[in-house]
Amino acid sequence: MTRQSLHIDWTACDGRGLCTELLGPLLVRDEWGYPRAAGYGSDVPIPGSFAADARDAVALCPRLALSLQEVRTPARS
């Protein structure tokens, strides 16, 4: 089983905030304008209902600081 994760490259991000506009329920802006997700570092799990918004955020990021990754999760027995 796989799920999508949004990776934020902190070395490329300059805090423009477009991703927080598109993924508001998942990301918030810190006091300097950088995106953050409570409880997660630079890899944010993306629920299926936000997959299209996450793809838009990746495509529209002016600094190319976002990427989507497929993460394998162990199968439940």
Foldseek 3Di string as FASTA:
>chain_A
DKFKKKFFQVVQDDQPQPLCVLVVVAWDADPRNDTDGPPDDRIGTDPPVSVVSLVVCCVPPPRNRIDMDIDDDDDDD
